[in-house]
Protein backbone atom coordinates (compact mmCIF):
# COMPACT_ATOMS: atom_id res chain seq x y z
CA UNK A 1 2.07 71.84 7.48
CA UNK A 2 4.21 73.50 10.14
CA UNK A 3 1.73 76.36 10.48
CA UNK A 4 -1.04 73.78 10.74
CA UNK A 5 0.83 72.06 13.57
CA UNK A 6 1.06 75.38 15.42
CA UNK A 7 -2.69 75.93 14.97
CA UNK A 8 -3.42 72.40 16.21
CA UNK A 9 -1.20 72.97 19.26
CA UNK A 10 -2.95 76.28 19.97
CA UNK A 11 -6.38 74.64 19.93
CA UNK A 12 -5.15 71.78 22.10
CA UNK A 13 -3.20 73.76 24.71
CA UNK A 14 -5.01 77.10 24.88
CA UNK A 15 -8.62 76.26 23.93
CA UNK A 16 -8.51 72.71 25.33
CA UNK A 17 -10.09 71.37 22.12
CA UNK A 18 -8.80 68.22 20.52
CA UNK A 19 -9.07 68.09 16.74
CA UNK A 20 -7.47 65.75 14.24
CA UNK A 21 -4.00 67.12 13.44
CA UNK A 22 -4.84 67.84 9.80
CA UNK A 23 -7.55 70.36 10.80
CA UNK A 24 -4.82 72.88 11.64
CA UNK A 25 -3.27 72.43 8.20
CA UNK A 26 -6.69 72.86 6.59
CA UNK A 27 -7.24 76.13 8.48
CA UNK A 28 -3.79 77.37 7.49
CA UNK A 29 -4.43 76.48 3.83
CA UNK A 30 -7.80 78.26 3.89
CA UNK A 31 -6.21 81.38 5.39
CA UNK A 32 -3.35 81.38 2.87
CA UNK A 33 -5.78 80.93 -0.05
CA UNK A 34 -8.02 83.77 1.13
CA UNK A 35 -5.08 86.12 1.66
CA UNK A 36 -3.79 85.22 -1.81
CA UNK A 37 -7.21 85.91 -3.35
CA UNK A 38 -7.55 89.27 -1.56
CA UNK A 39 -4.22 90.35 -3.05
CA UNK A 40 -5.61 89.48 -6.53
CA UNK A 41 -2.64 87.36 -7.46
CA UNK A 42 -2.90 84.63 -10.08
CA UNK A 43 -2.70 81.11 -8.72
CA UNK A 44 -0.83 78.41 -10.66
CA UNK A 45 -4.00 76.35 -11.23
CA UNK A 46 -2.39 73.83 -13.60
CA UNK A 47 0.20 72.94 -10.97
CA UNK A 48 -2.40 72.92 -8.18
CA UNK A 49 -4.65 70.59 -10.18
CA UNK A 50 -1.73 68.28 -11.00
CA UNK A 51 -0.63 68.15 -7.36
CA UNK A 52 -4.21 67.60 -6.18
CA UNK A 53 -4.72 64.76 -8.67
CA UNK A 54 -1.43 63.16 -7.68
CA UNK A 55 -2.31 63.44 -3.98
CA UNK A 56 -5.73 61.90 -4.57
CA UNK A 57 -4.22 59.02 -6.55
CA UNK A 58 -1.61 58.38 -3.86
CA UNK A 59 -4.24 58.42 -1.13
CA UNK A 60 -6.50 55.99 -2.95
CA UNK A 61 -3.58 53.73 -3.82
CA UNK A 62 -2.32 53.60 -0.24
CA UNK A 63 -5.83 52.97 1.03
CA UNK A 64 -6.19 50.01 -1.33
CA UNK A 65 -2.76 48.59 -0.42
CA UNK A 66 -3.69 48.42 3.27
CA UNK A 67 -6.86 46.40 2.68
CA UNK A 68 -6.73 42.79 3.83
CA UNK A 69 -9.44 41.29 1.69
CA UNK A 70 -8.81 37.70 2.78
CA UNK A 71 -9.98 38.65 6.28
CA UNK A 72 -13.29 39.83 4.84
CA UNK A 73 -14.04 36.72 2.74
CA UNK A 74 -16.80 35.39 4.99
CA UNK A 75 -18.49 38.78 4.95
CA UNK A 76 -18.46 39.07 1.16
CA UNK A 77 -22.14 38.26 0.54
CA UNK A 78 -23.54 40.56 3.26
CA UNK A 79 -21.17 43.33 2.15
CA UNK A 80 -22.26 43.00 -1.48
CA UNK A 81 -25.92 43.13 -0.44
CA UNK A 82 -25.29 46.22 1.70
CA UNK A 83 -23.29 47.86 -1.09
CA UNK A 84 -26.08 47.24 -3.59
CA UNK A 85 -28.68 48.61 -1.18
CA UNK A 86 -26.51 51.65 -0.46
CA UNK A 87 -25.96 52.25 -4.19
CA UNK A 88 -29.68 52.08 -4.96
CA UNK A 89 -30.52 54.36 -2.03
CA UNK A 90 -27.80 56.85 -3.04
CA UNK A 91 -29.03 56.87 -6.64
CA UNK A 92 -32.62 57.64 -5.71
CA UNK A 93 -31.77 60.18 -3.01
CA UNK A 94 -29.20 61.95 -5.19
CA UNK A 95 -31.40 61.91 -8.28
CA UNK A 96 -34.71 62.92 -6.71
CA UNK A 97 -33.67 65.02 -3.73
CA UNK A 98 -30.13 66.43 -3.88
CA UNK A 99 -30.10 67.33 -7.59
CA UNK A 100 -33.51 69.03 -7.32
CA UNK A 101 -32.64 70.95 -4.15
CA UNK A 102 -29.37 72.20 -5.66
CA UNK A 103 -31.18 73.67 -8.68
CA UNK A 104 -31.02 71.15 -11.54
CA UNK A 105 -28.03 72.87 -13.17
CA UNK A 106 -24.64 71.61 -14.32
CA UNK A 107 -23.09 72.69 -11.01
CA UNK A 108 -25.89 70.79 -9.25
CA UNK A 109 -25.04 67.68 -11.27
CA UNK A 110 -21.36 67.92 -10.33
CA UNK A 111 -22.17 68.54 -6.66
CA UNK A 112 -24.61 65.63 -6.73
CA UNK A 113 -21.86 63.37 -8.05
CA UNK A 114 -19.74 64.59 -5.13
CA UNK A 115 -22.59 63.78 -2.76
CA UNK A 116 -22.67 60.26 -4.18
CA UNK A 117 -18.93 60.00 -3.50
CA UNK A 118 -19.51 61.00 0.13
CA UNK A 119 -22.38 58.55 0.41
CA UNK A 120 -20.27 55.72 -0.97
CA UNK A 121 -17.07 56.59 0.88
CA UNK A 122 -15.44 59.87 1.75
CA UNK A 123 -14.12 63.18 0.41
CA UNK A 124 -11.57 61.55 -1.95
CA UNK A 125 -14.39 59.55 -3.56
CA UNK A 126 -16.43 62.73 -3.96
CA UNK A 127 -13.49 64.52 -5.59
CA UNK A 128 -12.83 61.59 -7.94
CA UNK A 129 -16.50 61.53 -8.99
CA UNK A 130 -16.53 65.26 -9.62
CA UNK A 131 -13.22 65.20 -11.49
CA UNK A 132 -14.55 62.48 -13.81
CA UNK A 133 -17.50 64.71 -14.73
CA UNK A 134 -15.57 67.92 -15.26
CA UNK A 135 -12.91 66.22 -17.36
CA UNK A 136 -15.63 65.15 -19.75
CA UNK A 137 -18.12 68.05 -19.65
CA UNK A 138 -16.18 71.11 -18.49
CA UNK A 139 -15.29 73.09 -15.38
CA UNK A 140 -17.59 73.59 -12.40
CA UNK A 141 -15.74 75.99 -10.08
CA UNK A 142 -18.69 76.51 -7.74
CA UNK A 143 -18.97 72.77 -7.14
CA UNK A 144 -15.23 72.46 -6.49
CA UNK A 145 -15.50 75.31 -3.99
CA UNK A 146 -18.54 74.03 -2.09
CA UNK A 147 -18.10 70.25 -1.94
CA UNK A 148 -14.54 70.08 -0.55
CA UNK A 149 -15.27 72.90 1.87
CA UNK A 150 -18.40 71.29 3.26
CA UNK A 151 -17.24 67.69 2.94
CA UNK A 152 -13.77 67.89 4.32
CA UNK A 153 -13.61 71.07 6.38
CA UNK A 154 -17.00 71.60 8.00
CA UNK A 155 -17.85 67.92 8.41
CA UNK A 156 -14.44 67.25 9.98
CA UNK A 157 -14.85 70.18 12.37
CA UNK A 158 -18.30 69.14 13.49
CA UNK A 159 -17.42 65.45 13.73
CA UNK A 160 -14.32 66.20 15.77
CA UNK A 161 -16.27 68.55 18.07
CA UNK A 162 -18.97 65.95 18.65
CA UNK A 163 -16.42 63.18 19.24
CA UNK A 164 -14.33 65.37 21.55
CA UNK A 165 -17.41 66.35 23.52
CA UNK A 166 -18.48 62.75 24.02
CA UNK A 167 -14.95 61.61 24.84
CA UNK A 168 -14.71 64.30 27.53
CA UNK A 169 -17.84 62.91 29.17
CA UNK A 170 -16.18 59.52 29.50
């Protein structure tokens, strides 16, 4: 996290780019993981999976605690209608487009479930969807490499660049 803070500060002060603070930590983690892999050292995957699952559960729990559902009571019917429409749209798009484009394999099915998680929420939803599949049907390392990388790293970079660009125009 400290290395990530230094990276964030570098981008902000030297490159004059404003990113969310966690982008620096994500870059640092990616660099550490690649260096570790180049050295051909074994990673403690059981511990990493346990820590990742715990972090995901904490994130989802804290997100649910902060919801003030009583403030949304009058919007319940429109929200349910939108949620149903979004679910139907996600089902058809994931089933007939994403799964076919990704190759109709097991990895494609796991990545498609991750896509549904993005479509219905965010990266933690995608990871929870994918984890539910792999716990039942087996590992999908390619999917767990691609989906978090694209969903949380690349999307965050591009979103933050677009937002920063537009904010600088104001």
